[in-house]
């Protein structure tokens, strides 16, 4: 199973291979790879959100004289 997200502008892609799992005629085990891929993407986006850079504070313009060495 190969998946990517988000649909419009992908930021992550995953490939899931579950060895020794056969799919029965009613696709009984087909959901295993789907569940793994879904969980991996959920974790990726949760981590991405929690590691966002903080917003920068706005600073008013300051008059600074580059020749002023006294601070």
N, C-alpha and C. Protein backbone atom coordinates (compact mmCIF):
# COMPACT_ATOMS: atom_id res chain seq x y z
N UNK A 1 0.85 -1.15 0.00
CA UNK A 1 0.00 0.00 0.00
C UNK A 1 0.90 1.22 0.00
N UNK A 2 0.61 2.15 -0.87
CA UNK A 2 1.35 3.41 -0.94
C UNK A 2 0.33 4.53 -0.79
N UNK A 3 0.67 5.54 0.01
CA UNK A 3 -0.25 6.65 0.24
C UNK A 3 0.55 7.93 0.41
N UNK A 4 -0.13 9.07 0.17
CA UNK A 4 0.49 10.37 0.40
C UNK A 4 -0.58 11.34 0.89
N UNK A 5 -0.13 12.42 1.53
CA UNK A 5 -1.07 13.40 2.07
C UNK A 5 -0.34 14.72 2.25
N UNK A 6 -1.05 15.82 2.26
CA UNK A 6 -2.42 15.98 1.81
C UNK A 6 -2.53 15.81 0.30
N UNK A 7 -3.74 15.62 -0.16
CA UNK A 7 -4.00 15.31 -1.56
C UNK A 7 -3.48 16.39 -2.51
N UNK A 8 -3.78 17.66 -2.20
CA UNK A 8 -3.45 18.77 -3.10
C UNK A 8 -1.97 19.11 -3.15
N UNK A 9 -1.29 19.00 -2.04
CA UNK A 9 0.12 19.40 -1.96
C UNK A 9 0.82 18.44 -0.99
N UNK A 10 1.18 17.24 -1.44
CA UNK A 10 1.71 16.22 -0.53
C UNK A 10 2.94 16.66 0.24
N UNK A 11 2.93 16.36 1.52
CA UNK A 11 4.06 16.64 2.42
C UNK A 11 4.68 15.35 2.93
N UNK A 12 3.96 14.24 2.81
CA UNK A 12 4.44 12.96 3.32
C UNK A 12 3.93 11.83 2.41
N UNK A 13 4.76 10.82 2.26
CA UNK A 13 4.36 9.61 1.53
C UNK A 13 4.78 8.41 2.36
N UNK A 14 3.95 7.38 2.35
CA UNK A 14 4.28 6.16 3.08
C UNK A 14 4.03 4.95 2.19
N UNK A 15 4.82 3.93 2.42
CA UNK A 15 4.61 2.63 1.78
C UNK A 15 4.57 1.59 2.89
N UNK A 16 3.55 0.77 2.89
CA UNK A 16 3.37 -0.23 3.94
C UNK A 16 3.32 -1.61 3.29
N UNK A 17 4.19 -2.49 3.76
CA UNK A 17 4.19 -3.88 3.33
C UNK A 17 4.05 -4.74 4.58
N UNK A 18 3.04 -5.56 4.62
CA UNK A 18 2.82 -6.44 5.76
C UNK A 18 3.11 -7.87 5.28
N UNK A 19 4.27 -8.42 5.68
CA UNK A 19 4.63 -9.76 5.20
C UNK A 19 3.77 -10.86 5.82
N UNK A 20 3.63 -11.92 5.07
CA UNK A 20 2.92 -13.11 5.54
C UNK A 20 1.45 -12.88 5.85
N UNK A 21 0.86 -11.86 5.24
CA UNK A 21 -0.56 -11.62 5.41
C UNK A 21 -1.20 -11.78 4.04
N UNK A 22 -2.10 -12.72 3.96
CA UNK A 22 -2.80 -12.92 2.69
C UNK A 22 -4.16 -12.26 2.78
N UNK A 23 -4.64 -11.83 1.65
CA UNK A 23 -5.95 -11.18 1.60
C UNK A 23 -6.96 -12.23 1.15
N UNK A 24 -7.96 -12.45 1.97
CA UNK A 24 -8.99 -13.42 1.61
C UNK A 24 -9.89 -12.81 0.55
N UNK A 25 -10.79 -13.60 0.01
CA UNK A 25 -11.67 -13.11 -1.05
C UNK A 25 -12.53 -11.95 -0.59
N UNK A 26 -12.87 -11.90 0.67
CA UNK A 26 -13.68 -10.78 1.17
C UNK A 26 -12.80 -9.64 1.69
N UNK A 27 -11.51 -9.68 1.34
CA UNK A 27 -10.54 -8.64 1.69
C UNK A 27 -10.47 -8.43 3.21
N UNK A 28 -10.60 -9.53 3.93
CA UNK A 28 -10.62 -9.51 5.39
C UNK A 28 -9.40 -8.83 5.99
N UNK A 29 -8.21 -9.03 5.42
CA UNK A 29 -6.99 -8.47 5.99
C UNK A 29 -6.51 -7.22 5.26
N UNK A 30 -7.27 -6.73 4.30
CA UNK A 30 -6.84 -5.56 3.53
C UNK A 30 -6.69 -4.33 4.41
N UNK A 31 -7.43 -4.25 5.49
CA UNK A 31 -7.40 -3.07 6.34
C UNK A 31 -6.15 -2.93 7.18
N UNK A 32 -5.36 -3.99 7.32
CA UNK A 32 -4.17 -3.92 8.17
C UNK A 32 -3.20 -2.86 7.66
N UNK A 33 -2.85 -2.91 6.38
CA UNK A 33 -1.93 -1.91 5.81
C UNK A 33 -2.55 -0.53 5.85
N UNK A 34 -3.85 -0.44 5.59
CA UNK A 34 -4.53 0.87 5.64
C UNK A 34 -4.44 1.47 7.04
N UNK A 35 -4.67 0.66 8.06
CA UNK A 35 -4.62 1.15 9.44
C UNK A 35 -3.22 1.62 9.80
N UNK A 36 -2.20 0.89 9.36
CA UNK A 36 -0.82 1.28 9.65
C UNK A 36 -0.49 2.60 8.96
N UNK A 37 -0.86 2.73 7.69
CA UNK A 37 -0.59 3.97 6.94
C UNK A 37 -1.33 5.15 7.56
N UNK A 38 -2.59 4.95 7.92
CA UNK A 38 -3.38 6.03 8.52
C UNK A 38 -2.74 6.50 9.84
N UNK A 39 -2.34 5.55 10.67
CA UNK A 39 -1.72 5.89 11.96
C UNK A 39 -0.40 6.63 11.75
N UNK A 40 0.40 6.18 10.78
CA UNK A 40 1.68 6.84 10.50
C UNK A 40 1.45 8.28 10.06
N UNK A 41 0.46 8.51 9.22
CA UNK A 41 0.18 9.88 8.76
C UNK A 41 -0.35 10.75 9.89
N UNK A 42 -1.22 10.19 10.72
CA UNK A 42 -1.73 10.95 11.86
C UNK A 42 -0.59 11.39 12.77
N UNK A 43 0.34 10.48 13.05
CA UNK A 43 1.49 10.82 13.89
C UNK A 43 2.35 11.88 13.22
N UNK A 44 2.58 11.75 11.91
CA UNK A 44 3.38 12.74 11.19
C UNK A 44 2.78 14.13 11.35
N UNK A 45 1.48 14.28 11.10
CA UNK A 45 0.87 15.60 11.15
C UNK A 45 0.77 16.12 12.58
N UNK A 46 0.59 15.24 13.57
CA UNK A 46 0.61 15.69 14.97
C UNK A 46 1.99 16.23 15.32
N UNK A 47 3.03 15.51 14.93
CA UNK A 47 4.41 15.95 15.21
C UNK A 47 4.70 17.26 14.47
N UNK A 48 4.24 17.35 13.25
CA UNK A 48 4.49 18.57 12.46
C UNK A 48 3.85 19.77 13.15
N UNK A 49 2.60 19.60 13.63
CA UNK A 49 1.92 20.70 14.32
C UNK A 49 2.64 21.09 15.59
N UNK A 50 3.10 20.12 16.36
CA UNK A 50 3.73 20.42 17.64
C UNK A 50 5.12 21.02 17.49
N UNK A 51 5.72 20.89 16.31
CA UNK A 51 7.06 21.43 16.08
C UNK A 51 7.05 22.69 15.21
N UNK A 52 5.90 23.32 15.08
CA UNK A 52 5.82 24.55 14.31
C UNK A 52 6.66 25.63 14.99
N UNK A 53 7.29 26.43 14.19
CA UNK A 53 8.08 27.54 14.74
C UNK A 53 7.13 28.53 15.41
N UNK A 54 7.53 29.09 16.53
CA UNK A 54 6.67 30.07 17.18
C UNK A 54 6.54 31.32 16.31
N UNK A 55 5.42 31.99 16.49
CA UNK A 55 5.23 33.22 15.73
C UNK A 55 6.23 34.27 16.20
N UNK A 56 6.73 35.03 15.27
CA UNK A 56 7.69 36.07 15.61
C UNK A 56 6.96 37.27 16.18
N UNK A 57 7.54 37.84 17.20
CA UNK A 57 6.95 39.03 17.80
C UNK A 57 7.19 40.23 16.90
N UNK A 58 6.21 41.11 16.86
CA UNK A 58 6.39 42.32 16.08
C UNK A 58 7.15 43.34 16.92
N UNK A 59 8.10 44.00 16.29
CA UNK A 59 8.91 45.00 16.97
C UNK A 59 8.72 46.32 16.25
N UNK A 60 8.50 47.35 17.03
CA UNK A 60 8.36 48.67 16.42
C UNK A 60 9.70 49.13 15.89
N UNK A 61 9.64 49.99 14.87
CA UNK A 61 10.88 50.54 14.32
C UNK A 61 11.62 51.31 15.40
N UNK A 62 12.92 51.14 15.42
CA UNK A 62 13.75 51.82 16.41
C UNK A 62 14.77 52.67 15.67
N UNK A 63 14.98 53.86 16.17
CA UNK A 63 16.02 54.71 15.59
C UNK A 63 17.35 54.31 16.21
N UNK A 64 18.20 53.73 15.40
CA UNK A 64 19.50 53.29 15.88
C UNK A 64 20.57 54.03 15.10
N UNK A 65 21.48 54.63 15.83
CA UNK A 65 22.59 55.35 15.21
C UNK A 65 23.77 54.40 15.14
N UNK A 66 24.18 53.97 13.95
CA UNK A 66 25.28 53.02 13.84
C UNK A 66 26.61 53.59 14.33
N UNK A 67 26.70 54.92 14.44
CA UNK A 67 27.94 55.54 14.91
C UNK A 67 27.98 55.65 16.43
N UNK A 68 26.86 55.37 17.09
CA UNK A 68 26.80 55.45 18.55
C UNK A 68 27.41 54.19 19.15
N UNK A 69 28.60 54.30 19.74
CA UNK A 69 29.30 53.15 20.30
C UNK A 69 29.09 53.02 21.81
N UNK A 70 28.35 53.93 22.40
CA UNK A 70 28.14 53.89 23.84
C UNK A 70 26.98 52.98 24.22
N UNK A 71 26.19 52.54 23.26
CA UNK A 71 25.13 51.59 23.54
C UNK A 71 23.86 52.22 23.83
